[in-house]
Amino acid sequence: MTTGEGTSTEGVGLPNSIAVLWELRNREQRTARTGLSVERIVTAAIESADADGLAGLSMSRVAKSLDFGTMSLYRHVSSKDELRQLMLDMAYGTPPRIDTADGDWRAGLEQWARAFQDVFHRHPWMLQISVSGPPLEPGQLSWLECGLRTLGGTTLRPDDKLSVMMLMIGYVRNNVQMSLGVTQDFSEADLMANYGRALAKYADSASFPALAELLEAGAFDEPEDDFTFGLQRVLDGIEVLVRIRNGEKPLT
């Protein structure tokens, strides 16, 4: 999640895209219009980035897809940078409805994480927009709110809950960022199998005994789901904190 860059709103020092996003959210009617609007511009820009990546995005290309002149867009969006920030927030979409038993924060956070992961798989270009601080945009705040609510039944302190969600956001984002380059060309299993064969050829057991142990055990032949493994370890750590806040001893 990110706060955008660009022209600051008067007197507050915030990007203009923040004000635009909240204005859009507070409108009672957000139906499609025949004329040009911020919503139509951002939707078209997202479609362009989904199809051809962020590098291919341009104001002229978006304008052409909407059958308008390029300068017409600048009456609604001040710059390409502002457009990217508007795209980012809209692309997050609506957070999931968490369906778990009361108090099952762990299952709730897992549902949240997998839904958050899906967002980046649908729109890989989102990861090319750098994170510059905690979210202020309405769409991104709705995801943060959703995650925080899953922790509502715990005894975690408010600052604990915020730290947990920043950890979850960072884990999902970083994991997807590393994996997307792999999945675009071939599966992670194929990558690891090829990697294992290369290691067997170049990494001799005398110099790399720990790697040799993994090769002998076939660790690269059938790799575990990396996202699930890492997510469970993150949740394990959060569970230790929950038990501490409950005055319990962590499980050993």
Foldseek 3Di string as FASTA:
>chain_A
DAFFDDDADPPPRGHPLQVVLVVQVPDPDDDDDLDDALVLLLVLQQVVCLVPNPVPGDLQVSCVVSVHHSVVVCVHAVDPRSSLVNNLLVLLPAFDDQDDPPPPLLSSLVSLLVSSLVSCVSRVNSLVRDHDDDDSRVSSVNSLVSNLVSCVPFLDDPVLSNVLVVVSVVLSSVVSNVCVVVVVVHHPLVVLVVVLVVCVVPPDCVNPVVNVVCSVVCCSNDDDDPSVVVSVVSSLVSVCVRCVSVVHHRDD
